[in-house]
Each structure stands twice: as structure tokens, then as C-alpha cells.
């Protein structure tokens, strides 16, 4: 079919990192990247975008992972994530916490995505090296939503999910983000942020719920919108914004991204 093919650095954690950099922060990346031409190109692209790549595990025998998305006028049609190298690398990506390169226990904010294996996510949810970290967790896709279960069981972190992912985690369906947030909290989540496309989004914890509608914009792109939203919410809270104020900042940032007004 006629169309345009665009090649960009991406992936959930990287999208979040690039957005955090646009919001004035200096994120460091923990991941696995091959020592191939694509890996070298990706590392260079990350550095150009203000990201710290010093802690990335570079593998001699694993190729750099790829993700492909097909989008139409009505949004995302299909997507394939080849994250086999990241899964094969396993806990090697956490070496900076165990070899003294990074402080442990780590007390800063950490954005995680569900492209990691369930075993590794389960370890992160309970490991002492991140016991005092401000964990922010996203499933990466509905197909990997159940990988967030360990954080509900351990009562750790802030979960960032859409309506479908919330339903999968709670094994039911929800009509609104507010109902989904209530469901997640009832099943053990200590804090959650639930989005629903152009419908109202909700942030909730034991202190209460805040629900706001996103600005109405002309949709120019979809892939990366949720990651931008998550990064904007993290940046807003690190900057001192709370509750409905931080949620409003995140919705505005995501709307700008979806409209195509934000440069990648």
C-alpha cells in the first residue's frame, strides 16, 4: 500500500527518556544494545538527544532490537516488537546497581517498561537495590500488561496503563478510566495512572482520585503518545506538581505530541 516509512530511535523506555530530556531532565538509560552498526547508530542518536548511555550493556553476540508499527488515519493498525536481545541479556542490564557504578539502594525515579521478562520485573519489584526508588512502570503493550502483576503483589510503584491494560490486570472490563483506577487500587496497586485515548484520564492512590479530560486536537501520530504522557507526568511531579495539576500537565504534553507539534 502507498505510504511513508520512517525510521526513528524508539521503544517505550527510550521514548520516555527522550521526552524527559525535552522536559529539561537528564535521564540515564539501562538496556541492552548490540555492538552492530544499528547499535552504534542508536547510541549516537541517544547521545545527541541528551541521554546518558554510559550504563547500557553492549553485547558482542546479540543484535540490536527493533520495533515496527503500522499506523493509519484511524490510529495504530499493528505493531511487532522484537525484544529478544533485551530478554536474553536479562539482569546484565542491572549491573550498574550491583557493581557500584550506580548507588544502591537507588533513591531516584526509575521508569520501567514491560519489555523486560516477567522474572526480571518480579526481581526488580522486590530487590533491595531498588527498594527505595520511585518506580514508574508501564506495560509497553496490552500483550505484556500482566507482567506488571508483581508490582501489585509487592505493592510497589506507580502503574501507567490504558483502559484495556487495566482490564487485563483486573481480569474484567472497565467503561471509564476512573472505574479502572478504582479496580487497580482494589487489587493491590498503591498508585496508578489510567488513560483512555481522547476520553478522561485518572490518577489515583489511597488518598483519592483525580480525573481530567485531555485537550481536543487533530491526531497526526499515535506511537509514543503514552510514553510522552508518562514522561510529562513524571517530570511534572519531580518539579513539584501534584494530583490534578501534574495530570493536566501530562495531558497537555501528550496532546501536543499527538498533534505533531512536538519534535522527536
C-alpha atoms as a PDB file:
ATOM      1  CA  UNK A   1       0.000   0.000   0.000  1.00  0.00           C
ATOM      2  CA  UNK A   2       1.224   3.547  -0.639  1.00  0.00           C
ATOM      3  CA  UNK A   3       2.604   5.243   2.436  1.00  0.00           C
ATOM      4  CA  UNK A   4       5.683   6.574   4.170  1.00  0.00           C
ATOM      5  CA  UNK A   5       8.291   4.601   6.094  1.00  0.00           C
ATOM      6  CA  UNK A   6      10.097   6.446   8.875  1.00  0.00           C
ATOM      7  CA  UNK A   7      12.987   5.045  10.921  1.00  0.00           C
ATOM      8  CA  UNK A   8      13.462   6.544  14.392  1.00  0.00           C
ATOM      9  CA  UNK A   9      15.115   5.648  17.702  1.00  0.00           C
ATOM     10  CA  UNK A  10      12.370   4.350  19.958  1.00  0.00           C
ATOM     11  CA  UNK A  11      10.970   1.773  22.327  1.00  0.00           C
ATOM     12  CA  UNK A  12       8.971   2.548  25.464  1.00  0.00           C
ATOM     13  CA  UNK A  13      11.849   3.296  27.849  1.00  0.00           C
ATOM     14  CA  UNK A  14      13.748   5.281  25.217  1.00  0.00           C
ATOM     15  CA  UNK A  15      10.657   7.277  24.256  1.00  0.00           C
ATOM     16  CA  UNK A  16      10.198   8.133  27.929  1.00  0.00           C
ATOM     17  CA  UNK A  17      13.868   9.083  28.215  1.00  0.00           C
ATOM     18  CA  UNK A  18      13.772  11.337  25.149  1.00  0.00           C
ATOM     19  CA  UNK A  19      10.644  13.053  26.438  1.00  0.00           C
ATOM     20  CA  UNK A  20      12.214  13.556  29.883  1.00  0.00           C
ATOM     21  CA  UNK A  21      15.185  15.203  28.185  1.00  0.00           C
ATOM     22  CA  UNK A  22      12.833  17.542  26.307  1.00  0.00           C
ATOM     23  CA  UNK A  23      11.342  18.490  29.685  1.00  0.00           C
ATOM     24  CA  UNK A  24      14.780  19.543  30.946  1.00  0.00           C
ATOM     25  CA  UNK A  25      15.864  16.402  32.804  1.00  0.00           C
ATOM     26  CA  UNK A  26      19.000  14.289  32.244  1.00  0.00           C
ATOM     27  CA  UNK A  27      17.927  10.631  32.141  1.00  0.00           C
ATOM     28  CA  UNK A  28      20.353   7.702  32.034  1.00  0.00           C
ATOM     29  CA  UNK A  29      19.475   4.543  30.122  1.00  0.00           C
ATOM     30  CA  UNK A  30      19.740   0.928  31.285  1.00  0.00           C
ATOM     31  CA  UNK A  31      19.186  -1.535  28.463  1.00  0.00           C
ATOM     32  CA  UNK A  32      20.893  -3.933  26.061  1.00  0.00           C
ATOM     33  CA  UNK A  33      22.220  -2.762  22.690  1.00  0.00           C
ATOM     34  CA  UNK A  34      24.267  -4.817  20.229  1.00  0.00           C
ATOM     35  CA  UNK A  35      27.763  -3.938  19.057  1.00  0.00           C
ATOM     36  CA  UNK A  36      26.493  -3.746  15.491  1.00  0.00           C
ATOM     37  CA  UNK A  37      26.034  -0.851  13.076  1.00  0.00           C
ATOM     38  CA  UNK A  38      22.445  -0.324  14.197  1.00  0.00           C
ATOM     39  CA  UNK A  39      23.555  -0.283  17.831  1.00  0.00           C
ATOM     40  CA  UNK A  40      26.287   2.287  17.195  1.00  0.00           C
ATOM     41  CA  UNK A  41      23.802   4.444  15.299  1.00  0.00           C
ATOM     42  CA  UNK A  42      21.274   4.164  18.122  1.00  0.00           C
ATOM     43  CA  UNK A  43      23.819   5.100  20.819  1.00  0.00           C
ATOM     44  CA  UNK A  44      24.861   8.149  18.805  1.00  0.00           C
ATOM     45  CA  UNK A  45      21.230   9.194  18.339  1.00  0.00           C
ATOM     46  CA  UNK A  46      20.587   8.873  22.078  1.00  0.00           C
ATOM     47  CA  UNK A  47      23.604  10.993  22.980  1.00  0.00           C
ATOM     48  CA  UNK A  48      22.524  13.669  20.514  1.00  0.00           C
ATOM     49  CA  UNK A  49      19.190  13.812  22.343  1.00  0.00           C
ATOM     50  CA  UNK A  50      20.794  14.435  25.718  1.00  0.00           C
ATOM     51  CA  UNK A  51      20.600  10.890  27.116  1.00  0.00           C
ATOM     52  CA  UNK A  52      23.316   9.235  29.205  1.00  0.00           C
ATOM     53  CA  UNK A  53      24.250   5.939  27.536  1.00  0.00           C
ATOM     54  CA  UNK A  54      27.252   5.071  29.756  1.00  0.00           C
ATOM     55  CA  UNK A  55      25.342   2.378  31.679  1.00  0.00           C
ATOM     56  CA  UNK A  56      23.932   0.468  28.682  1.00  0.00           C
ATOM     57  CA  UNK A  57      25.009  -3.155  28.329  1.00  0.00           C
ATOM     58  CA  UNK A  58      26.654  -3.601  24.903  1.00  0.00           C
ATOM     59  CA  UNK A  59      26.508  -7.196  23.733  1.00  0.00           C
ATOM     60  CA  UNK A  60      29.041  -8.722  21.343  1.00  0.00           C
ATOM     61  CA  UNK A  61      26.749 -11.538  20.212  1.00  0.00           C
ATOM     62  CA  UNK A  62      23.219 -10.120  20.473  1.00  0.00           C
ATOM     63  CA  UNK A  63      21.810  -7.867  17.709  1.00  0.00           C
ATOM     64  CA  UNK A  64      20.119  -4.551  18.448  1.00  0.00           C
ATOM     65  CA  UNK A  65      16.374  -4.993  18.960  1.00  0.00           C
ATOM     66  CA  UNK A  66      13.753  -3.465  16.660  1.00  0.00           C
ATOM     67  CA  UNK A  67      10.112  -2.412  16.767  1.00  0.00           C
ATOM     68  CA  UNK A  68       7.795  -1.872  13.797  1.00  0.00           C
ATOM     69  CA  UNK A  69       4.463  -0.072  13.889  1.00  0.00           C
ATOM     70  CA  UNK A  70       1.921   0.351  11.081  1.00  0.00           C
ATOM     71  CA  UNK A  71      -0.344   3.362  11.507  1.00  0.00           C
ATOM     72  CA  UNK A  72      -3.359   4.547   9.557  1.00  0.00           C
ATOM     73  CA  UNK A  73      -5.633   7.546   9.690  1.00  0.00           C
ATOM     74  CA  UNK A  74      -7.623   5.829  12.443  1.00  0.00           C
ATOM     75  CA  UNK A  75      -4.573   5.097  14.612  1.00  0.00           C
ATOM     76  CA  UNK A  76      -2.346   2.081  15.211  1.00  0.00           C
ATOM     77  CA  UNK A  77      -3.139  -0.875  12.947  1.00  0.00           C
ATOM     78  CA  UNK A  78      -0.477  -3.352  14.017  1.00  0.00           C
ATOM     79  CA  UNK A  79       2.889  -3.493  15.775  1.00  0.00           C
ATOM     80  CA  UNK A  80       5.673  -6.049  16.247  1.00  0.00           C
ATOM     81  CA  UNK A  81       8.332  -5.757  18.965  1.00  0.00           C
ATOM     82  CA  UNK A  82      11.484  -7.847  18.549  1.00  0.00           C
ATOM     83  CA  UNK A  83      12.951  -7.559  22.059  1.00  0.00           C
ATOM     84  CA  UNK A  84      14.709 -10.928  22.095  1.00  0.00           C
ATOM     85  CA  UNK A  85      18.135  -9.439  22.804  1.00  0.00           C
ATOM     86  CA  UNK A  86      16.826  -7.459  25.771  1.00  0.00           C
ATOM     87  CA  UNK A  87      15.186 -10.609  27.132  1.00  0.00           C
ATOM     88  CA  UNK A  88      18.347 -12.660  26.569  1.00  0.00           C
ATOM     89  CA  UNK A  89      20.515 -10.068  28.326  1.00  0.00           C
ATOM     90  CA  UNK A  90      18.366 -10.439  31.444  1.00  0.00           C
ATOM     91  CA  UNK A  91      19.796  -8.991  34.649  1.00  0.00           C
ATOM     92  CA  UNK A  92      23.014  -7.901  32.902  1.00  0.00           C
ATOM     93  CA  UNK A  93      21.290  -4.567  32.310  1.00  0.00           C
ATOM     94  CA  UNK A  94      21.194  -4.087  36.116  1.00  0.00           C
ATOM     95  CA  UNK A  95      24.969  -4.481  36.604  1.00  0.00           C
ATOM     96  CA  UNK A  96      25.489  -0.752  37.294  1.00  0.00           C
ATOM     97  CA  UNK A  97      23.485  -1.255  40.521  1.00  0.00           C
ATOM     98  CA  UNK A  98      25.428  -4.356  41.588  1.00  0.00           C
ATOM     99  CA  UNK A  99      28.992  -3.353  40.659  1.00  0.00           C
ATOM    100  CA  UNK A 100      28.952   0.005  42.446  1.00  0.00           C
ATOM    101  CA  UNK A 101      28.698   2.137  39.301  1.00  0.00           C
ATOM    102  CA  UNK A 102      25.317   3.432  40.484  1.00  0.00           C
ATOM    103  CA  UNK A 103      24.356   3.859  44.149  1.00  0.00           C
ATOM    104  CA  UNK A 104      22.377   1.034  45.742  1.00  0.00           C
ATOM    105  CA  UNK A 105      19.851   1.243  47.186  1.00  0.00           C
ATOM    106  CA  UNK A 106      18.922   3.708  44.472  1.00  0.00           C
ATOM    107  CA  UNK A 107      16.662   6.529  45.668  1.00  0.00           C
ATOM    108  CA  UNK A 108      15.814   8.344  42.446  1.00  0.00           C
ATOM    109  CA  UNK A 109      12.988   7.942  39.941  1.00  0.00           C
ATOM    110  CA  UNK A 110      13.106   4.842  37.720  1.00  0.00           C
ATOM    111  CA  UNK A 111      10.929   4.323  34.636  1.00  0.00           C
ATOM    112  CA  UNK A 112      10.447   0.644  33.770  1.00  0.00           C
ATOM    113  CA  UNK A 113       8.718  -0.995  30.839  1.00  0.00           C
ATOM    114  CA  UNK A 114       7.181  -4.404  30.310  1.00  0.00           C
ATOM    115  CA  UNK A 115       9.630  -5.398  27.583  1.00  0.00           C
ATOM    116  CA  UNK A 116      11.723  -6.891  30.389  1.00  0.00           C
ATOM    117  CA  UNK A 117      10.962 -10.505  31.260  1.00  0.00           C
ATOM    118  CA  UNK A 118       8.460 -11.363  33.981  1.00  0.00           C
ATOM    119  CA  UNK A 119      11.244 -12.911  36.085  1.00  0.00           C
ATOM    120  CA  UNK A 120      13.344  -9.753  35.912  1.00  0.00           C
ATOM    121  CA  UNK A 121      10.386  -7.486  36.651  1.00  0.00           C
ATOM    122  CA  UNK A 122       9.499  -9.690  39.624  1.00  0.00           C
ATOM    123  CA  UNK A 123      13.044  -9.326  40.938  1.00  0.00           C
ATOM    124  CA  UNK A 124      13.005  -5.552  40.476  1.00  0.00           C
ATOM    125  CA  UNK A 125       9.719  -5.305  42.365  1.00  0.00           C
ATOM    126  CA  UNK A 126      11.294  -6.914  45.430  1.00  0.00           C
ATOM    127  CA  UNK A 127      15.067  -6.363  45.191  1.00  0.00           C
ATOM    128  CA  UNK A 128      16.737  -4.288  47.901  1.00  0.00           C
ATOM    129  CA  UNK A 129      18.754  -2.322  45.325  1.00  0.00           C
ATOM    130  CA  UNK A 130      15.578  -0.553  44.178  1.00  0.00           C
ATOM    131  CA  UNK A 131      13.549  -0.823  47.398  1.00  0.00           C
ATOM    132  CA  UNK A 132      13.754   2.942  47.968  1.00  0.00           C
ATOM    133  CA  UNK A 133      13.397   4.011  44.323  1.00  0.00           C
ATOM    134  CA  UNK A 134      10.423   5.901  42.927  1.00  0.00           C
ATOM    135  CA  UNK A 135       9.310   3.191  40.487  1.00  0.00           C
ATOM    136  CA  UNK A 136       7.178   4.211  37.499  1.00  0.00           C
ATOM    137  CA  UNK A 137       6.033   1.187  35.494  1.00  0.00           C
ATOM    138  CA  UNK A 138       4.395   0.823  32.067  1.00  0.00           C
ATOM    139  CA  UNK A 139       3.454  -2.491  30.394  1.00  0.00           C
ATOM    140  CA  UNK A 140       4.684  -1.492  26.876  1.00  0.00           C
ATOM    141  CA  UNK A 141       1.557  -3.036  25.292  1.00  0.00           C
ATOM    142  CA  UNK A 142      -1.667  -4.822  26.247  1.00  0.00           C
ATOM    143  CA  UNK A 143       0.047  -8.096  25.358  1.00  0.00           C
ATOM    144  CA  UNK A 144       2.518  -7.533  28.191  1.00  0.00           C
ATOM    145  CA  UNK A 145       0.148  -5.982  30.729  1.00  0.00           C
ATOM    146  CA  UNK A 146       0.197  -8.991  33.057  1.00  0.00           C
ATOM    147  CA  UNK A 147       3.933  -8.506  33.543  1.00  0.00           C
ATOM    148  CA  UNK A 148       3.018  -5.647  35.907  1.00  0.00           C
ATOM    149  CA  UNK A 149       1.354  -8.062  38.332  1.00  0.00           C
ATOM    150  CA  UNK A 150       4.474  -8.384  40.557  1.00  0.00           C
ATOM    151  CA  UNK A 151       4.299  -4.668  41.364  1.00  0.00           C
ATOM    152  CA  UNK A 152       0.700  -5.032  42.505  1.00  0.00           C
ATOM    153  CA  UNK A 153       1.620  -8.064  44.589  1.00  0.00           C
ATOM    154  CA  UNK A 154       4.596  -6.274  46.148  1.00  0.00           C
ATOM    155  CA  UNK A 155       2.593  -3.033  46.476  1.00  0.00           C
ATOM    156  CA  UNK A 156       5.314  -1.051  44.739  1.00  0.00           C
ATOM    157  CA  UNK A 157       5.442   1.728  42.188  1.00  0.00           C
ATOM    158  CA  UNK A 158       3.122   3.847  40.084  1.00  0.00           C
ATOM    159  CA  UNK A 159       1.455   1.905  37.265  1.00  0.00           C
ATOM    160  CA  UNK A 160       0.831   3.716  33.963  1.00  0.00           C
ATOM    161  CA  UNK A 161      -1.763   1.806  31.914  1.00  0.00           C
ATOM    162  CA  UNK A 162      -4.517   2.398  29.398  1.00  0.00           C
ATOM    163  CA  UNK A 163      -8.096   1.199  29.834  1.00  0.00           C
ATOM    164  CA  UNK A 164      -7.504  -2.129  28.097  1.00  0.00           C
ATOM    165  CA  UNK A 165      -4.360  -2.876  30.090  1.00  0.00           C
ATOM    166  CA  UNK A 166      -6.143  -2.037  33.359  1.00  0.00           C
ATOM    167  CA  UNK A 167      -8.888  -4.504  32.422  1.00  0.00           C
ATOM    168  CA  UNK A 168      -6.351  -7.248  31.734  1.00  0.00           C
ATOM    169  CA  UNK A 169      -4.653  -6.682  35.085  1.00  0.00           C
ATOM    170  CA  UNK A 170      -8.002  -6.804  36.882  1.00  0.00           C
ATOM    171  CA  UNK A 171      -9.419  -9.598  34.695  1.00  0.00           C
ATOM    172  CA  UNK A 172     -12.507  -7.577  33.849  1.00  0.00           C
ATOM    173  CA  UNK A 173     -13.649  -4.714  31.631  1.00  0.00           C
ATOM    174  CA  UNK A 174     -13.996  -1.051  32.547  1.00  0.00           C
ATOM    175  CA  UNK A 175     -16.077   1.690  30.941  1.00  0.00           C
ATOM    176  CA  UNK A 176     -14.046   4.616  32.290  1.00  0.00           C
ATOM    177  CA  UNK A 177     -10.536   5.376  33.496  1.00  0.00           C
ATOM    178  CA  UNK A 178     -11.901   6.268  36.924  1.00  0.00           C
ATOM    179  CA  UNK A 179     -13.530   2.861  37.318  1.00  0.00           C
ATOM    180  CA  UNK A 180     -10.308   1.236  36.109  1.00  0.00           C
ATOM    181  CA  UNK A 181      -8.223   3.163  38.656  1.00  0.00           C
ATOM    182  CA  UNK A 182     -10.593   2.088  41.415  1.00  0.00           C
ATOM    183  CA  UNK A 183     -10.286  -1.511  40.233  1.00  0.00           C
ATOM    184  CA  UNK A 184      -6.490  -1.437  40.210  1.00  0.00           C
ATOM    185  CA  UNK A 185      -6.310   0.045  43.700  1.00  0.00           C
ATOM    186  CA  UNK A 186      -8.734  -2.579  44.973  1.00  0.00           C
ATOM    187  CA  UNK A 187      -6.491  -5.342  43.562  1.00  0.00           C
ATOM    188  CA  UNK A 188      -3.351  -4.078  45.305  1.00  0.00           C
ATOM    189  CA  UNK A 189      -1.897  -1.236  43.254  1.00  0.00           C
ATOM    190  CA  UNK A 190      -0.645   1.526  45.558  1.00  0.00           C
ATOM    191  CA  UNK A 191      -0.827   4.154  42.813  1.00  0.00           C
ATOM    192  CA  UNK A 192      -1.959   4.188  39.200  1.00  0.00           C
ATOM    193  CA  UNK A 193      -2.492   6.447  36.220  1.00  0.00           C
ATOM    194  CA  UNK A 194      -5.078   5.259  33.681  1.00  0.00           C
ATOM    195  CA  UNK A 195      -5.538   6.795  30.226  1.00  0.00           C
ATOM    196  CA  UNK A 196      -8.290   6.225  27.670  1.00  0.00           C
ATOM    197  CA  UNK A 197      -7.244   7.930  24.448  1.00  0.00           C
ATOM    198  CA  UNK A 198      -9.251  11.109  23.975  1.00  0.00           C
ATOM    199  CA  UNK A 199     -11.518  10.276  26.936  1.00  0.00           C
ATOM    200  CA  UNK A 200     -10.801  11.386  30.528  1.00  0.00           C
ATOM    201  CA  UNK A 201      -7.706  10.063  32.325  1.00  0.00           C
ATOM    202  CA  UNK A 202      -7.430   9.306  36.041  1.00  0.00           C
ATOM    203  CA  UNK A 203      -4.623   9.277  38.605  1.00  0.00           C
ATOM    204  CA  UNK A 204      -5.369   7.536  41.873  1.00  0.00           C
ATOM    205  CA  UNK A 205      -3.882   6.354  45.176  1.00  0.00           C
ATOM    206  CA  UNK A 206      -5.114   5.738  48.714  1.00  0.00           C
ATOM    207  CA  UNK A 207      -5.626   9.495  49.165  1.00  0.00           C
ATOM    208  CA  UNK A 208      -8.152   9.751  46.335  1.00  0.00           C
ATOM    209  CA  UNK A 209      -8.745  10.065  42.590  1.00  0.00           C
ATOM    210  CA  UNK A 210      -8.334  12.895  40.084  1.00  0.00           C
ATOM    211  CA  UNK A 211      -9.978  12.686  36.644  1.00  0.00           C
ATOM    212  CA  UNK A 212      -9.404  15.145  33.798  1.00  0.00           C
ATOM    213  CA  UNK A 213     -10.224  15.288  30.080  1.00  0.00           C
ATOM    214  CA  UNK A 214      -7.366  15.755  27.573  1.00  0.00           C
ATOM    215  CA  UNK A 215      -7.388  18.722  25.175  1.00  0.00           C
ATOM    216  CA  UNK A 216      -9.050  18.078  21.811  1.00  0.00           C
ATOM    217  CA  UNK A 217      -6.504  18.033  18.973  1.00  0.00           C
ATOM    218  CA  UNK A 218      -6.161  16.793  15.411  1.00  0.00           C
ATOM    219  CA  UNK A 219      -4.382  13.430  15.577  1.00  0.00           C
ATOM    220  CA  UNK A 220      -1.201  13.308  13.495  1.00  0.00           C
ATOM    221  CA  UNK A 221       0.576  10.366  15.168  1.00  0.00           C
ATOM    222  CA  UNK A 222      -0.098   7.717  17.799  1.00  0.00           C
ATOM    223  CA  UNK A 223       3.079   5.735  18.518  1.00  0.00           C
ATOM    224  CA  UNK A 224       4.885   7.205  21.529  1.00  0.00           C
ATOM    225  CA  UNK A 225       1.939   9.248  22.831  1.00  0.00           C
ATOM    226  CA  UNK A 226       1.561   7.178  26.001  1.00  0.00           C
ATOM    227  CA  UNK A 227       5.299   7.340  26.635  1.00  0.00           C
ATOM    228  CA  UNK A 228       5.254  11.121  26.269  1.00  0.00           C
ATOM    229  CA  UNK A 229       2.320  11.308  28.671  1.00  0.00           C
ATOM    230  CA  UNK A 230       4.157   9.193  31.243  1.00  0.00           C
ATOM    231  CA  UNK A 231       7.360  11.231  30.940  1.00  0.00           C
ATOM    232  CA  UNK A 232       5.461  14.502  31.253  1.00  0.00           C
ATOM    233  CA  UNK A 233       3.702  13.254  34.382  1.00  0.00           C
ATOM    234  CA  UNK A 234       6.985  12.125  35.944  1.00  0.00           C
ATOM    235  CA  UNK A 235       8.644  15.447  35.076  1.00  0.00           C
ATOM    236  CA  UNK A 236       5.722  17.417  36.490  1.00  0.00           C
ATOM    237  CA  UNK A 237       5.835  15.538  39.797  1.00  0.00           C
ATOM    238  CA  UNK A 238       9.619  15.783  40.070  1.00  0.00           C
ATOM    239  CA  UNK A 239       9.121  19.514  39.542  1.00  0.00           C
ATOM    240  CA  UNK A 240       6.734  19.724  42.485  1.00  0.00           C
ATOM    241  CA  UNK A 241       3.367  19.464  40.717  1.00  0.00           C
ATOM    242  CA  UNK A 242       0.846  17.117  42.345  1.00  0.00           C
ATOM    243  CA  UNK A 243      -2.521  15.451  41.786  1.00  0.00           C
ATOM    244  CA  UNK A 244      -4.731  17.087  39.170  1.00  0.00           C
ATOM    245  CA  UNK A 245      -2.043  19.670  38.309  1.00  0.00           C
ATOM    246  CA  UNK A 246       0.516  17.045  37.287  1.00  0.00           C
ATOM    247  CA  UNK A 247      -2.165  15.117  35.385  1.00  0.00           C
ATOM    248  CA  UNK A 248      -3.170  18.261  33.494  1.00  0.00           C
ATOM    249  CA  UNK A 249       0.460  18.944  32.514  1.00  0.00           C
ATOM    250  CA  UNK A 250       0.829  15.394  31.220  1.00  0.00           C
ATOM    251  CA  UNK A 251      -2.393  15.509  29.181  1.00  0.00           C
ATOM    252  CA  UNK A 252      -1.354  18.794  27.564  1.00  0.00           C
ATOM    253  CA  UNK A 253       2.084  17.410  26.664  1.00  0.00           C
ATOM    254  CA  UNK A 254       0.573  14.266  25.150  1.00  0.00           C
ATOM    255  CA  UNK A 255      -1.912  16.339  23.152  1.00  0.00           C
ATOM    256  CA  UNK A 256       0.907  18.415  21.675  1.00  0.00           C
ATOM    257  CA  UNK A 257       2.752  15.235  20.759  1.00  0.00           C
ATOM    258  CA  UNK A 258      -0.281  13.605  19.135  1.00  0.00           C
ATOM    259  CA  UNK A 259      -0.973  16.757  17.144  1.00  0.00           C
ATOM    260  CA  UNK A 260       2.550  16.607  15.693  1.00  0.00           C
ATOM    261  CA  UNK A 261       3.619  19.906  17.246  1.00  0.00           C
ATOM    262  CA  UNK A 262       6.313  18.266  19.413  1.00  0.00           C
ATOM    263  CA  UNK A 263       9.599  17.460  17.691  1.00  0.00           C
ATOM    264  CA  UNK A 264      11.024  13.972  18.300  1.00  0.00           C
END
